[in-house]
Amino acid sequence: MKLLEEGLKLARELDDQKEIANCQERMGAHLALSDAPRARQLKREAIELFRSIDDKKGLAQALFGLSIGWADHEERLAFAEESLALYREVGLKEQIAQGLMYIAGMVYNDGEDDDRAYVMHEEVRDICHEIGVSIWEASAIRSIADISERRGEANRTAELREQADRIHPEDPPNPEFMAALEKAAESSDNEAARQALGKAFFGKKP
């Protein structure tokens, strides 16, 4: 964090708007678990700077980062959708796939629009097949299978899951992370939940 703060100070001395925004976005990501309000403030400042200098790639990244963990569902979705539209403009296929997976997960988990989620996962599958990211391709197919199962399409569901396993076998769940996830879901203390997940995922207190 100290290096980022020093980088931000230097960027301001040089009046380098793009680097100021980059430093703010990275600092926001660094503080996401330990100081969420400060992280959101930094990300918002970065977004405004990226807009002012018309840096679409930087803006897309900052919007995506801001959407993660945002409390209001509609705002979170709007940030993610704007990020995805920008990534489409600049043609970054891996980031397009990531954005599609994120948005599809939101609309599917909330039971809002299975058809939209289905189409998004199909696009993820096709993009990831093209760019050679087999783990995401298989994940997209499994997500399509989940929607097919919800629709009562048993044969289609089984075919899709077999196809996904051929492309990339599913890794067994990490017991420590799953236990932390369950504990976090039951906790009324958001900060304690974040700390538990961070410890399980990173192997230490974030």
C-alpha atoms as a PDB file:
ATOM      1  CA  MET A   1       0.000   0.000   0.000  1.00  0.00           C
ATOM      2  CA  LYS A   2       2.858   2.368   0.774  1.00  0.00           C
ATOM      3  CA  LEU A   3       4.238   1.958  -2.750  1.00  0.00           C
ATOM      4  CA  LEU A   4       0.830   2.772  -4.215  1.00  0.00           C
ATOM      5  CA  GLU A   5       0.546   5.884  -2.065  1.00  0.00           C
ATOM      6  CA  GLU A   6       4.006   7.001  -3.162  1.00  0.00           C
ATOM      7  CA  GLY A   7       3.073   6.316  -6.784  1.00  0.00           C
ATOM      8  CA  LEU A   8      -0.083   8.402  -6.410  1.00  0.00           C
ATOM      9  CA  LYS A   9       1.889  11.281  -4.892  1.00  0.00           C
ATOM     10  CA  LEU A  10       4.388  11.216  -7.757  1.00  0.00           C
ATOM     11  CA  ALA A  11       1.628  11.030 -10.390  1.00  0.00           C
ATOM     12  CA  ARG A  12       0.001  14.114  -8.854  1.00  0.00           C
ATOM     13  CA  GLU A  13       3.307  15.982  -8.844  1.00  0.00           C
ATOM     14  CA  LEU A  14       3.680  15.162 -12.543  1.00  0.00           C
ATOM     15  CA  ASP A  15       0.006  15.945 -13.217  1.00  0.00           C
ATOM     16  CA  ASP A  16      -0.312  12.550 -14.938  1.00  0.00           C
ATOM     17  CA  GLN A  17      -4.091  12.089 -14.906  1.00  0.00           C
ATOM     18  CA  LYS A  18      -4.045   8.555 -16.270  1.00  0.00           C
ATOM     19  CA  GLU A  19      -1.511   7.369 -13.709  1.00  0.00           C
ATOM     20  CA  ILE A  20      -3.406   9.129 -10.899  1.00  0.00           C
ATOM     21  CA  ALA A  21      -6.524   7.195 -11.921  1.00  0.00           C
ATOM     22  CA  ASN A  22      -4.555   3.944 -12.212  1.00  0.00           C
ATOM     23  CA  CYS A  23      -3.106   4.385  -8.718  1.00  0.00           C
ATOM     24  CA  GLN A  24      -6.521   5.199  -7.242  1.00  0.00           C
ATOM     25  CA  GLU A  25      -8.079   2.156  -8.897  1.00  0.00           C
ATOM     26  CA  ARG A  26      -5.290  -0.142  -7.637  1.00  0.00           C
ATOM     27  CA  MET A  27      -5.490   1.325  -4.133  1.00  0.00           C
ATOM     28  CA  GLY A  28      -9.244   0.772  -4.158  1.00  0.00           C
ATOM     29  CA  ALA A  29      -8.749  -2.871  -5.126  1.00  0.00           C
ATOM     30  CA  HIS A  30      -6.104  -3.275  -2.405  1.00  0.00           C
ATOM     31  CA  LEU A  31      -8.433  -1.870   0.275  1.00  0.00           C
ATOM     32  CA  ALA A  32     -11.564  -3.753  -0.838  1.00  0.00           C
ATOM     33  CA  LEU A  33     -11.480  -6.201   2.072  1.00  0.00           C
ATOM     34  CA  SER A  34      -9.976  -4.047   4.806  1.00  0.00           C
ATOM     35  CA  ASP A  35     -11.659  -0.651   4.215  1.00  0.00           C
ATOM     36  CA  ALA A  36     -14.626  -0.929   1.850  1.00  0.00           C
ATOM     37  CA  PRO A  37     -15.846   2.713   2.140  1.00  0.00           C
ATOM     38  CA  ARG A  38     -12.383   4.100   1.349  1.00  0.00           C
ATOM     39  CA  ALA A  39     -12.008   1.576  -1.480  1.00  0.00           C
ATOM     40  CA  ARG A  40     -15.298   2.709  -3.047  1.00  0.00           C
ATOM     41  CA  GLN A  41     -14.296   6.367  -2.754  1.00  0.00           C
ATOM     42  CA  LEU A  42     -10.973   5.746  -4.502  1.00  0.00           C
ATOM     43  CA  LYS A  43     -12.643   3.742  -7.256  1.00  0.00           C
ATOM     44  CA  ARG A  44     -15.221   6.489  -7.839  1.00  0.00           C
ATOM     45  CA  GLU A  45     -12.462   9.090  -8.093  1.00  0.00           C
ATOM     46  CA  ALA A  46     -10.637   6.871 -10.568  1.00  0.00           C
ATOM     47  CA  ILE A  47     -13.805   6.476 -12.637  1.00  0.00           C
ATOM     48  CA  GLU A  48     -14.282  10.225 -12.917  1.00  0.00           C
ATOM     49  CA  LEU A  49     -10.678  10.692 -14.022  1.00  0.00           C
ATOM     50  CA  PHE A  50     -10.836   7.874 -16.578  1.00  0.00           C
ATOM     51  CA  ARG A  51     -14.020   9.470 -17.986  1.00  0.00           C
ATOM     52  CA  SER A  52     -12.394  12.884 -18.190  1.00  0.00           C
ATOM     53  CA  ILE A  53      -9.445  11.585 -20.246  1.00  0.00           C
ATOM     54  CA  ASP A  54     -11.572   9.156 -22.295  1.00  0.00           C
ATOM     55  CA  ASP A  55      -9.602   6.082 -21.221  1.00  0.00           C
ATOM     56  CA  LYS A  56     -12.122   3.355 -22.028  1.00  0.00           C
ATOM     57  CA  LYS A  57     -10.006   0.419 -20.877  1.00  0.00           C
ATOM     58  CA  GLY A  58      -9.203   2.045 -17.545  1.00  0.00           C
ATOM     59  CA  LEU A  59     -12.815   3.101 -17.077  1.00  0.00           C
ATOM     60  CA  ALA A  60     -14.078  -0.406 -17.833  1.00  0.00           C
ATOM     61  CA  GLN A  61     -11.714  -1.921 -15.276  1.00  0.00           C
ATOM     62  CA  ALA A  62     -12.633   0.632 -12.607  1.00  0.00           C
ATOM     63  CA  LEU A  63     -16.376   0.181 -13.175  1.00  0.00           C
ATOM     64  CA  PHE A  64     -16.054  -3.589 -12.942  1.00  0.00           C
ATOM     65  CA  GLY A  65     -14.069  -3.273  -9.714  1.00  0.00           C
ATOM     66  CA  LEU A  66     -16.629  -0.875  -8.247  1.00  0.00           C
ATOM     67  CA  SER A  67     -19.492  -3.237  -9.026  1.00  0.00           C
ATOM     68  CA  ILE A  68     -17.985  -6.038  -6.932  1.00  0.00           C
ATOM     69  CA  GLY A  69     -19.453  -5.933  -3.450  1.00  0.00           C
ATOM     70  CA  TRP A  70     -21.714  -2.939  -4.193  1.00  0.00           C
ATOM     71  CA  ALA A  71     -24.808  -3.149  -1.974  1.00  0.00           C
ATOM     72  CA  ASP A  72     -27.530  -1.933  -4.347  1.00  0.00           C
ATOM     73  CA  HIS A  73     -28.325  -4.592  -6.940  1.00  0.00           C
ATOM     74  CA  GLU A  74     -29.500  -2.242  -9.689  1.00  0.00           C
ATOM     75  CA  GLU A  75     -26.450   0.010  -9.349  1.00  0.00           C
ATOM     76  CA  ARG A  76     -24.108  -2.994  -9.239  1.00  0.00           C
ATOM     77  CA  LEU A  77     -25.662  -4.331 -12.424  1.00  0.00           C
ATOM     78  CA  ALA A  78     -25.452  -0.923 -14.114  1.00  0.00           C
ATOM     79  CA  PHE A  79     -21.738  -0.588 -13.300  1.00  0.00           C
ATOM     80  CA  ALA A  80     -21.059  -4.082 -14.644  1.00  0.00           C
ATOM     81  CA  GLU A  81     -23.071  -3.529 -17.824  1.00  0.00           C
ATOM     82  CA  GLU A  82     -21.300  -0.241 -18.594  1.00  0.00           C
ATOM     83  CA  SER A  83     -17.964  -1.982 -18.015  1.00  0.00           C
ATOM     84  CA  LEU A  84     -18.937  -4.784 -20.392  1.00  0.00           C
ATOM     85  CA  ALA A  85     -20.029  -2.318 -23.093  1.00  0.00           C
ATOM     86  CA  LEU A  86     -16.662  -0.551 -22.852  1.00  0.00           C
ATOM     87  CA  TYR A  87     -14.720  -3.819 -23.041  1.00  0.00           C
ATOM     88  CA  ARG A  88     -16.696  -4.654 -26.196  1.00  0.00           C
ATOM     89  CA  GLU A  89     -15.686  -1.287 -27.672  1.00  0.00           C
ATOM     90  CA  VAL A  90     -11.988  -1.913 -27.092  1.00  0.00           C
ATOM     91  CA  GLY A  91     -12.245  -5.588 -28.072  1.00  0.00           C
ATOM     92  CA  LEU A  92     -10.750  -7.289 -25.003  1.00  0.00           C
ATOM     93  CA  LYS A  93     -12.235 -10.771 -25.304  1.00  0.00           C
ATOM     94  CA  GLU A  94     -11.091 -12.225 -21.979  1.00  0.00           C
ATOM     95  CA  GLN A  95     -12.559  -9.245 -20.112  1.00  0.00           C
ATOM     96  CA  ILE A  96     -15.751  -9.493 -22.181  1.00  0.00           C
ATOM     97  CA  ALA A  97     -16.102 -13.124 -21.096  1.00  0.00           C
ATOM     98  CA  GLN A  98     -15.433 -12.199 -17.478  1.00  0.00           C
ATOM     99  CA  GLY A  99     -18.044  -9.437 -17.572  1.00  0.00           C
ATOM    100  CA  LEU A 100     -20.616 -11.714 -19.180  1.00  0.00           C
ATOM    101  CA  MET A 101     -20.061 -14.404 -16.526  1.00  0.00           C
ATOM    102  CA  TYR A 102     -20.418 -11.846 -13.747  1.00  0.00           C
ATOM    103  CA  ILE A 103     -23.642 -10.322 -15.081  1.00  0.00           C
ATOM    104  CA  ALA A 104     -25.124 -13.699 -15.994  1.00  0.00           C
ATOM    105  CA  GLY A 105     -24.412 -14.893 -12.467  1.00  0.00           C
ATOM    106  CA  MET A 106     -26.275 -11.909 -11.021  1.00  0.00           C
ATOM    107  CA  VAL A 107     -29.390 -12.280 -13.136  1.00  0.00           C
ATOM    108  CA  TYR A 108     -29.461 -16.086 -12.719  1.00  0.00           C
ATOM    109  CA  ASN A 109     -28.892 -16.127  -8.958  1.00  0.00           C
ATOM    110  CA  ASP A 110     -31.664 -13.598  -8.465  1.00  0.00           C
ATOM    111  CA  GLY A 111     -34.007 -15.646 -10.683  1.00  0.00           C
ATOM    112  CA  GLU A 112     -34.597 -12.613 -12.896  1.00  0.00           C
ATOM    113  CA  ASP A 113     -33.962 -13.761 -16.433  1.00  0.00           C
ATOM    114  CA  ASP A 114     -32.910 -17.309 -17.272  1.00  0.00           C
ATOM    115  CA  ASP A 115     -33.107 -16.633 -21.013  1.00  0.00           C
ATOM    116  CA  ARG A 116     -30.710 -13.697 -20.797  1.00  0.00           C
ATOM    117  CA  ALA A 117     -28.284 -15.629 -18.597  1.00  0.00           C
ATOM    118  CA  TYR A 118     -28.434 -18.590 -21.006  1.00  0.00           C
ATOM    119  CA  VAL A 119     -27.494 -16.412 -24.006  1.00  0.00           C
ATOM    120  CA  MET A 120     -24.672 -14.781 -22.049  1.00  0.00           C
ATOM    121  CA  HIS A 121     -23.192 -18.118 -21.013  1.00  0.00           C
ATOM    122  CA  GLU A 122     -23.378 -19.293 -24.633  1.00  0.00           C
ATOM    123  CA  GLU A 123     -21.342 -16.253 -25.673  1.00  0.00           C
ATOM    124  CA  VAL A 124     -18.826 -16.930 -22.887  1.00  0.00           C
ATOM    125  CA  ARG A 125     -18.512 -20.520 -24.098  1.00  0.00           C
ATOM    126  CA  ASP A 126     -17.844 -19.411 -27.664  1.00  0.00           C
ATOM    127  CA  ILE A 127     -15.358 -16.679 -26.708  1.00  0.00           C
ATOM    128  CA  CYS A 128     -13.428 -18.953 -24.366  1.00  0.00           C
ATOM    129  CA  HIS A 129     -13.293 -21.724 -26.946  1.00  0.00           C
ATOM    130  CA  GLU A 130     -11.868 -19.181 -29.400  1.00  0.00           C
ATOM    131  CA  ILE A 131      -9.219 -17.801 -27.024  1.00  0.00           C
ATOM    132  CA  GLY A 132      -8.385 -21.163 -25.452  1.00  0.00           C
ATOM    133  CA  VAL A 133      -9.547 -20.674 -21.848  1.00  0.00           C
ATOM    134  CA  SER A 134     -10.886 -24.176 -21.230  1.00  0.00           C
ATOM    135  CA  ILE A 135     -11.750 -23.738 -17.558  1.00  0.00           C
ATOM    136  CA  TRP A 136     -14.080 -20.811 -18.325  1.00  0.00           C
ATOM    137  CA  GLU A 137     -15.506 -22.595 -21.362  1.00  0.00           C
ATOM    138  CA  ALA A 138     -16.392 -25.587 -19.195  1.00  0.00           C
ATOM    139  CA  SER A 139     -17.777 -23.334 -16.468  1.00  0.00           C
ATOM    140  CA  ALA A 140     -20.045 -21.602 -18.981  1.00  0.00           C
ATOM    141  CA  ILE A 141     -21.346 -24.955 -20.207  1.00  0.00           C
ATOM    142  CA  ARG A 142     -22.053 -26.020 -16.609  1.00  0.00           C
ATOM    143  CA  SER A 143     -23.983 -22.800 -16.090  1.00  0.00           C
ATOM    144  CA  ILE A 144     -26.040 -23.539 -19.215  1.00  0.00           C
ATOM    145  CA  ALA A 145     -26.642 -27.000 -17.759  1.00  0.00           C
ATOM    146  CA  ASP A 146     -27.901 -25.471 -14.502  1.00  0.00           C
ATOM    147  CA  ILE A 147     -30.448 -23.405 -16.422  1.00  0.00           C
ATOM    148  CA  SER A 148     -31.477 -26.459 -18.453  1.00  0.00           C
ATOM    149  CA  GLU A 149     -31.977 -28.370 -15.202  1.00  0.00           C
ATOM    150  CA  ARG A 150     -34.127 -25.553 -13.829  1.00  0.00           C
ATOM    151  CA  ARG A 151     -36.226 -25.840 -16.999  1.00  0.00           C
ATOM    152  CA  GLY A 152     -36.675 -29.571 -16.440  1.00  0.00           C
ATOM    153  CA  GLU A 153     -34.539 -30.624 -19.422  1.00  0.00           C
ATOM    154  CA  ALA A 154     -32.917 -33.686 -17.863  1.00  0.00           C
ATOM    155  CA  ASN A 155     -31.302 -35.186 -20.974  1.00  0.00           C
ATOM    156  CA  ARG A 156     -29.934 -31.847 -22.147  1.00  0.00           C
ATOM    157  CA  THR A 157     -28.550 -31.183 -18.659  1.00  0.00           C
ATOM    158  CA  ALA A 158     -26.696 -34.494 -18.559  1.00  0.00           C
ATOM    159  CA  GLU A 159     -25.241 -33.980 -22.063  1.00  0.00           C
ATOM    160  CA  LEU A 160     -23.976 -30.510 -21.179  1.00  0.00           C
ATOM    161  CA  ARG A 161     -22.339 -31.656 -17.948  1.00  0.00           C
ATOM    162  CA  GLU A 162     -20.600 -34.521 -19.730  1.00  0.00           C
ATOM    163  CA  GLN A 163     -19.366 -32.058 -22.372  1.00  0.00           C
ATOM    164  CA  ALA A 164     -18.035 -29.706 -19.688  1.00  0.00           C
ATOM    165  CA  ASP A 165     -16.195 -32.544 -17.946  1.00  0.00           C
ATOM    166  CA  ARG A 166     -14.526 -33.525 -21.217  1.00  0.00           C
ATOM    167  CA  ILE A 167     -13.289 -29.970 -21.735  1.00  0.00           C
ATOM    168  CA  HIS A 168     -12.126 -29.362 -18.156  1.00  0.00           C
ATOM    169  CA  PRO A 169     -12.927 -31.679 -15.225  1.00  0.00           C
ATOM    170  CA  GLU A 170     -14.412 -29.864 -12.267  1.00  0.00           C
ATOM    171  CA  ASP A 171     -11.997 -29.385  -9.368  1.00  0.00           C
ATOM    172  CA  PRO A 172     -13.146 -30.706  -5.967  1.00  0.00           C
ATOM    173  CA  PRO A 173     -14.207 -27.929  -3.567  1.00  0.00           C
ATOM    174  CA  ASN A 174     -11.653 -26.561  -1.114  1.00  0.00           C
ATOM    175  CA  PRO A 175     -12.956 -27.649   2.337  1.00  0.00           C
ATOM    176  CA  GLU A 176     -11.475 -24.643   4.167  1.00  0.00           C
ATOM    177  CA  PHE A 177     -12.924 -22.173   1.704  1.00  0.00           C
ATOM    178  CA  MET A 178     -16.353 -23.862   1.699  1.00  0.00           C
ATOM    179  CA  ALA A 179     -16.437 -23.790   5.514  1.00  0.00           C
ATOM    180  CA  ALA A 180     -15.502 -20.094   5.481  1.00  0.00           C
ATOM    181  CA  LEU A 181     -18.152 -19.413   2.835  1.00  0.00           C
ATOM    182  CA  GLU A 182     -20.818 -21.098   4.973  1.00  0.00           C
ATOM    183  CA  LYS A 183     -19.679 -19.162   8.042  1.00  0.00           C
ATOM    184  CA  ALA A 184     -19.745 -15.885   6.107  1.00  0.00           C
ATOM    185  CA  ALA A 185     -23.249 -16.569   4.794  1.00  0.00           C
ATOM    186  CA  GLU A 186     -24.516 -17.102   8.353  1.00  0.00           C
ATOM    187  CA  SER A 187     -22.746 -14.060   9.805  1.00  0.00           C
ATOM    188  CA  SER A 188     -24.504 -10.752  10.448  1.00  0.00           C
ATOM    189  CA  ASP A 189     -21.124  -9.019  10.730  1.00  0.00           C
ATOM    190  CA  ASN A 190     -20.079  -8.071   7.195  1.00  0.00           C
ATOM    191  CA  GLU A 191     -16.523  -7.184   8.133  1.00  0.00           C
ATOM    192  CA  ALA A 192     -16.026 -10.478   9.996  1.00  0.00           C
ATOM    193  CA  ALA A 193     -17.430 -12.313   6.988  1.00  0.00           C
ATOM    194  CA  ARG A 194     -14.991 -10.581   4.650  1.00  0.00           C
ATOM    195  CA  GLN A 195     -12.087 -11.387   6.969  1.00  0.00           C
ATOM    196  CA  ALA A 196     -13.077 -15.069   7.139  1.00  0.00           C
ATOM    197  CA  LEU A 197     -13.300 -15.376   3.365  1.00  0.00           C
ATOM    198  CA  GLY A 198     -10.078 -13.473   2.858  1.00  0.00           C
ATOM    199  CA  LYS A 199      -8.210 -15.701   5.278  1.00  0.00           C
ATOM    200  CA  ALA A 200      -9.469 -18.871   3.594  1.00  0.00           C
ATOM    201  CA  PHE A 201      -8.792 -17.613   0.087  1.00  0.00           C
ATOM    202  CA  PHE A 202      -5.450 -15.915   0.613  1.00  0.00           C
ATOM    203  CA  GLY A 203      -4.178 -18.040   3.505  1.00  0.00           C
ATOM    204  CA  LYS A 204      -3.823 -15.056   5.800  1.00  0.00           C
ATOM    205  CA  LYS A 205      -5.722 -12.141   7.243  1.00  0.00           C
ATOM    206  CA  PRO A 206      -6.309  -9.589   4.432  1.00  0.00           C
END
